[in-house]
Amino acid sequence: MKPDCQRALLNLDREPGPMDLAHLAECEACRGEAALRERVRVELQRAVRSSPVDAALQQRVRASLAAPRSSNWRMYAAAAVLLIAVGSYWAVPWAENRMAESAYFRALPDTVSRIMRVGLSDHVHCAVFRKWPKQAAPEELPAPYRPVMSHIPAGYRVVAGHECKAQGRLFIHLVMRSPDEKTVSLVMARKQPGETFATSSLRRVMGVFTEDVPRFQIAGFEASSFLIFVVSDMGGAENEQLAWTLAVPVTAMLDALG
């Protein structure tokens, strides 16, 4: 990472100076990271506000707040207990989900291709192990990518659409439920140098590329500047059919974006 990026990202959690703000105006990667941190901060605040707190604990904290000033240390201790209790309500499941996510990728066979791991990483991070405080609205999908909504087949229900980050990479991610309530991801990521399905040894079925991965079905295709994946809990034929259905309109949409 460049020194300017390191400084600007470090100061995001402090107070960005004029040089940092100028850098953010010019650096797309750092702007993306700043936007991600802001979303995380908002979600944390929302989670804390919506977390139930034990009534007995509330009474003890109020009693401590009402104590004489000479007992300020008790007030601080009580406030700390409250913060720990509220924070644990959100942090424990979050930590468990991150551990399960990491364990999944550690257990992946070496035979799973690098290119398929790209789409798999975002599906696992956002659609499987991530627990949202609220159901995300499809309208949160960035505007240039919203035309894809008109190509979702009948029977599929869109539950989330967003720009996100997994394993250091930015994605456009649409999460759906299939007619039988299986979880399905449409994952789009800009290509990095050398990334293409064309030179892979993956199976090609119905014009899309597929590979066996633990627990999920995955199919991929590509536009000129994007890799696109359909990852799901559905059967292999269903997953391939959905990928084939989306391949032409999604590729055309992404090619138009450049």
Protein backbone atom coordinates (compact mmCIF):
# COMPACT_ATOMS: atom_id res chain seq x y z
CA MET A 1 0.00 0.00 0.00
CA LYS A 2 1.29 3.47 -0.89
CA PRO A 3 2.34 5.79 1.97
CA ASP A 4 -0.35 8.33 1.06
CA CYS A 5 -3.00 5.62 1.27
CA GLN A 6 -1.65 4.37 4.60
CA ARG A 7 -1.71 7.88 6.09
CA ALA A 8 -5.19 8.71 4.80
CA LEU A 9 -6.70 5.43 6.00
CA LEU A 10 -5.01 5.75 9.38
CA ASN A 11 -6.45 9.24 9.82
CA LEU A 12 -9.97 8.14 8.85
CA ASP A 13 -10.43 6.98 12.44
CA ARG A 14 -8.96 10.22 13.80
CA GLU A 15 -9.40 13.57 12.08
CA PRO A 16 -8.50 13.69 8.35
CA GLY A 17 -6.42 16.72 7.46
CA PRO A 18 -6.41 18.69 4.18
CA MET A 19 -3.83 16.32 2.64
CA ASP A 20 -5.95 13.30 3.57
CA LEU A 21 -9.11 14.83 2.11
CA ALA A 22 -7.27 15.71 -1.09
CA HIS A 23 -5.99 12.14 -1.33
CA LEU A 24 -9.48 10.70 -0.83
CA ALA A 25 -10.78 12.92 -3.62
CA GLU A 26 -8.25 11.37 -6.01
CA CYS A 27 -7.97 7.75 -4.80
CA GLU A 28 -10.91 5.48 -5.68
CA ALA A 29 -9.63 2.61 -3.50
CA CYS A 30 -9.39 4.78 -0.39
CA ARG A 31 -12.82 6.31 -1.05
CA GLY A 32 -14.23 2.80 -1.19
CA GLU A 33 -12.56 1.91 2.10
CA ALA A 34 -13.85 5.13 3.69
CA ALA A 35 -17.39 4.35 2.52
CA LEU A 36 -17.13 0.81 3.87
CA ARG A 37 -15.95 2.02 7.29
CA GLU A 38 -18.80 4.51 7.45
CA ARG A 39 -21.31 1.75 6.69
CA VAL A 40 -19.78 -0.44 9.39
CA ARG A 41 -19.94 2.46 11.89
CA VAL A 42 -23.62 3.08 11.09
CA GLU A 43 -24.47 -0.61 11.38
CA LEU A 44 -22.65 -0.83 14.71
CA GLN A 45 -24.59 2.13 16.07
CA ARG A 46 -27.86 0.63 14.81
CA ALA A 47 -27.04 -2.76 16.34
CA VAL A 48 -26.19 -1.25 19.73
CA ARG A 49 -29.35 0.88 19.79
CA SER A 50 -31.53 -2.11 18.94
CA SER A 51 -29.86 -4.53 21.39
CA PRO A 52 -31.94 -5.54 24.43
CA VAL A 53 -30.35 -4.93 27.81
CA ASP A 54 -31.18 -6.91 30.95
CA ALA A 55 -33.61 -4.95 33.21
CA ALA A 56 -31.66 -5.76 36.38
CA LEU A 57 -28.49 -4.45 34.77
CA GLN A 58 -30.26 -1.23 33.81
CA GLN A 59 -31.39 -0.75 37.42
CA ARG A 60 -27.85 -1.25 38.73
CA VAL A 61 -26.48 1.27 36.25
CA ARG A 62 -29.14 3.85 37.16
CA ALA A 63 -28.41 3.31 40.87
CA SER A 64 -24.71 3.88 40.21
CA LEU A 65 -25.43 7.06 38.27
CA ALA A 66 -27.45 8.35 41.21
CA ALA A 67 -24.60 7.70 43.68
CA PRO A 68 -22.61 10.66 45.21
CA ARG A 69 -19.79 12.08 43.11
CA SER A 70 -17.28 10.68 45.58
CA SER A 71 -18.20 7.28 44.13
CA ASN A 72 -17.40 8.20 40.56
CA TRP A 73 -15.36 5.05 40.14
CA ARG A 74 -18.56 3.04 40.65
CA MET A 75 -20.31 5.01 37.96
CA TYR A 76 -17.48 4.36 35.52
CA ALA A 77 -17.47 0.67 36.40
CA ALA A 78 -21.22 0.40 35.89
CA ALA A 79 -21.04 2.20 32.56
CA ALA A 80 -18.27 -0.15 31.49
CA VAL A 81 -20.37 -3.18 32.43
CA LEU A 82 -23.26 -1.78 30.38
CA LEU A 83 -21.05 -1.22 27.35
CA ILE A 84 -19.62 -4.72 27.62
CA ALA A 85 -23.09 -6.25 27.93
CA VAL A 86 -24.49 -4.36 24.94
CA GLY A 87 -21.36 -4.84 22.86
CA SER A 88 -21.24 -8.56 23.59
CA TYR A 89 -24.78 -8.99 22.31
CA TRP A 90 -23.54 -7.92 18.87
CA ALA A 91 -19.84 -8.81 19.01
CA VAL A 92 -20.10 -12.46 20.05
CA PRO A 93 -22.22 -13.55 17.06
CA TRP A 94 -20.05 -11.38 14.78
CA ALA A 95 -16.88 -13.08 16.03
CA GLU A 96 -18.44 -16.52 15.69
CA ASN A 97 -19.48 -15.76 12.10
CA ARG A 98 -16.00 -14.53 11.18
CA MET A 99 -14.46 -17.65 12.69
CA ALA A 100 -16.84 -19.90 10.75
CA GLU A 101 -16.10 -17.98 7.55
CA SER A 102 -12.35 -18.34 8.04
CA ALA A 103 -12.72 -22.03 8.86
CA TYR A 104 -14.64 -22.61 5.63
CA PHE A 105 -11.86 -21.14 3.49
CA ARG A 106 -9.12 -22.92 5.42
CA ALA A 107 -10.88 -26.21 4.72
CA LEU A 108 -11.32 -25.59 0.97
CA PRO A 109 -9.46 -28.19 -1.12
CA ASP A 110 -6.46 -26.92 -3.06
CA THR A 111 -8.24 -28.10 -6.19
CA VAL A 112 -10.75 -25.21 -5.97
CA SER A 113 -9.55 -22.73 -8.57
CA ARG A 114 -8.34 -19.26 -7.71
CA ILE A 115 -10.84 -17.62 -10.05
CA MET A 116 -13.84 -19.36 -8.46
CA ARG A 117 -12.61 -18.40 -4.99
CA VAL A 118 -13.22 -14.77 -6.01
CA GLY A 119 -16.99 -15.17 -6.28
CA LEU A 120 -17.14 -17.70 -3.47
CA SER A 121 -15.49 -15.27 -1.03
CA ASP A 122 -18.21 -12.65 -1.35
CA HIS A 123 -21.11 -15.13 -1.22
CA VAL A 124 -19.75 -16.76 1.92
CA HIS A 125 -18.92 -13.42 3.58
CA CYS A 126 -22.14 -11.54 2.83
CA ALA A 127 -24.89 -14.08 2.15
CA VAL A 128 -23.95 -16.98 4.43
CA PHE A 129 -22.11 -15.88 7.58
CA ARG A 130 -22.94 -12.19 7.79
CA LYS A 131 -25.87 -11.34 10.05
CA TRP A 132 -27.50 -8.03 9.17
CA PRO A 133 -29.24 -5.98 11.92
CA LYS A 134 -31.95 -5.33 9.33
CA GLN A 135 -32.89 -6.67 5.94
CA ALA A 136 -31.12 -4.60 3.31
CA ALA A 137 -33.28 -3.01 0.63
CA PRO A 138 -32.60 -3.87 -3.02
CA GLU A 139 -32.54 -0.13 -3.73
CA GLU A 140 -29.16 0.01 -1.96
CA LEU A 141 -27.62 -1.50 -5.10
CA PRO A 142 -25.46 1.23 -6.71
CA ALA A 143 -27.45 2.98 -9.44
CA PRO A 144 -25.35 1.91 -12.48
CA TYR A 145 -26.04 -1.75 -11.65
CA ARG A 146 -29.76 -1.52 -10.96
CA PRO A 147 -30.81 -2.49 -14.52
CA VAL A 148 -29.85 -6.06 -13.61
CA MET A 149 -32.99 -6.18 -11.43
CA SER A 150 -35.20 -6.34 -14.52
CA HIS A 151 -33.51 -9.57 -15.62
CA ILE A 152 -34.08 -11.56 -12.43
CA PRO A 153 -36.35 -14.50 -13.40
CA ALA A 154 -39.87 -14.78 -12.03
CA GLY A 155 -40.01 -16.61 -8.72
CA TYR A 156 -36.71 -15.23 -7.42
CA ARG A 157 -37.02 -12.67 -4.64
CA VAL A 158 -34.29 -10.03 -4.21
CA VAL A 159 -33.51 -9.43 -0.53
CA ALA A 160 -30.34 -7.32 -0.71
CA GLY A 161 -28.28 -5.37 -3.19
CA HIS A 162 -25.13 -3.54 -2.22
CA GLU A 163 -21.49 -2.74 -2.84
CA CYS A 164 -19.33 -4.61 -0.37
CA LYS A 165 -15.82 -5.78 0.39
CA ALA A 166 -14.53 -9.28 1.12
CA GLN A 167 -10.93 -10.40 1.53
CA GLY A 168 -9.74 -6.97 0.46
CA ARG A 169 -11.70 -6.86 -2.80
CA LEU A 170 -14.71 -4.76 -3.84
CA PHE A 171 -17.88 -6.44 -5.13
CA ILE A 172 -21.33 -5.63 -6.39
CA HIS A 173 -23.57 -8.20 -4.74
CA LEU A 174 -27.21 -9.10 -5.27
CA VAL A 175 -28.68 -11.60 -2.77
CA MET A 176 -31.82 -13.50 -3.74
CA ARG A 177 -34.10 -16.24 -2.52
CA SER A 178 -35.02 -18.95 -5.02
CA PRO A 179 -38.62 -20.17 -5.44
CA ASP A 180 -37.87 -22.85 -2.81
CA GLU A 181 -36.17 -20.29 -0.50
CA LYS A 182 -32.56 -21.22 -1.24
CA THR A 183 -29.95 -18.46 -0.89
CA VAL A 184 -28.56 -17.24 -4.22
CA SER A 185 -25.87 -14.64 -4.93
CA LEU A 186 -25.15 -12.76 -8.12
CA VAL A 187 -21.61 -11.48 -7.57
CA MET A 188 -19.83 -9.00 -9.86
CA ALA A 189 -16.20 -7.95 -9.50
CA ARG A 190 -13.89 -5.97 -11.73
CA LYS A 191 -11.18 -8.13 -13.22
CA GLN A 192 -7.65 -7.96 -11.94
CA PRO A 193 -4.69 -8.51 -14.31
CA GLY A 194 -4.69 -11.97 -15.87
CA GLU A 195 -8.14 -12.99 -14.63
CA THR A 196 -10.25 -14.79 -17.21
CA PHE A 197 -12.24 -17.98 -17.51
CA ALA A 198 -11.00 -18.40 -21.07
CA THR A 199 -7.67 -19.95 -20.05
CA SER A 200 -9.05 -22.07 -17.21
CA SER A 201 -9.60 -25.82 -17.24
CA LEU A 202 -13.05 -25.51 -15.64
CA ARG A 203 -16.07 -27.39 -16.97
CA ARG A 204 -18.20 -25.42 -19.40
CA VAL A 205 -21.92 -26.15 -19.28
CA MET A 206 -24.60 -24.16 -21.14
CA GLY A 207 -22.02 -21.50 -21.93
CA VAL A 208 -20.99 -20.89 -18.29
CA PHE A 209 -18.08 -22.28 -16.29
CA THR A 210 -18.68 -24.50 -13.26
CA GLU A 211 -16.65 -26.20 -10.57
CA ASP A 212 -17.30 -28.49 -7.60
CA VAL A 213 -16.88 -26.63 -4.30
CA PRO A 214 -17.87 -27.76 -0.79
CA ARG A 215 -21.44 -26.93 0.24
CA PHE A 216 -22.35 -24.60 -2.66
CA GLN A 217 -22.99 -24.59 -6.39
CA ILE A 218 -21.03 -22.02 -8.40
CA ALA A 219 -21.06 -20.94 -12.03
CA GLY A 220 -19.18 -18.10 -13.66
CA PHE A 221 -18.95 -16.06 -16.84
CA GLU A 222 -17.29 -12.79 -17.76
CA ALA A 223 -17.72 -9.40 -19.39
CA SER A 224 -14.87 -7.40 -20.86
CA SER A 225 -13.95 -5.86 -17.47
CA PHE A 226 -15.87 -8.00 -14.96
CA LEU A 227 -16.03 -11.48 -13.53
CA ILE A 228 -19.59 -12.59 -12.73
CA PHE A 229 -20.63 -15.49 -10.50
CA VAL A 230 -23.87 -17.20 -9.50
CA VAL A 231 -23.42 -19.02 -6.18
CA SER A 232 -26.19 -20.83 -4.33
CA ASP A 233 -27.55 -23.65 -2.20
CA MET A 234 -29.60 -24.86 -5.17
CA GLY A 235 -28.94 -27.96 -7.22
CA GLY A 236 -26.22 -27.80 -9.85
CA ALA A 237 -28.59 -27.82 -12.84
CA GLU A 238 -30.71 -25.02 -11.32
CA ASN A 239 -27.66 -22.91 -10.58
CA GLU A 240 -26.29 -23.38 -14.09
CA GLN A 241 -29.69 -22.55 -15.62
CA LEU A 242 -29.89 -19.29 -13.66
CA ALA A 243 -26.32 -18.36 -14.65
CA TRP A 244 -27.11 -19.08 -18.30
CA THR A 245 -30.30 -16.98 -18.09
CA LEU A 246 -28.39 -14.01 -16.63
CA ALA A 247 -25.23 -14.29 -18.72
CA VAL A 248 -26.29 -12.33 -21.80
CA PRO A 249 -28.15 -9.39 -20.14
CA VAL A 250 -25.64 -9.01 -17.28
CA THR A 251 -22.67 -9.13 -19.65
CA ALA A 252 -24.28 -6.50 -21.89
CA MET A 253 -25.00 -4.25 -18.90
CA LEU A 254 -21.43 -4.49 -17.57
CA ASP A 255 -19.87 -4.01 -21.01
CA ALA A 256 -21.87 -0.78 -21.31
CA LEU A 257 -20.35 0.41 -18.02
CA GLY A 258 -16.84 -0.17 -19.38
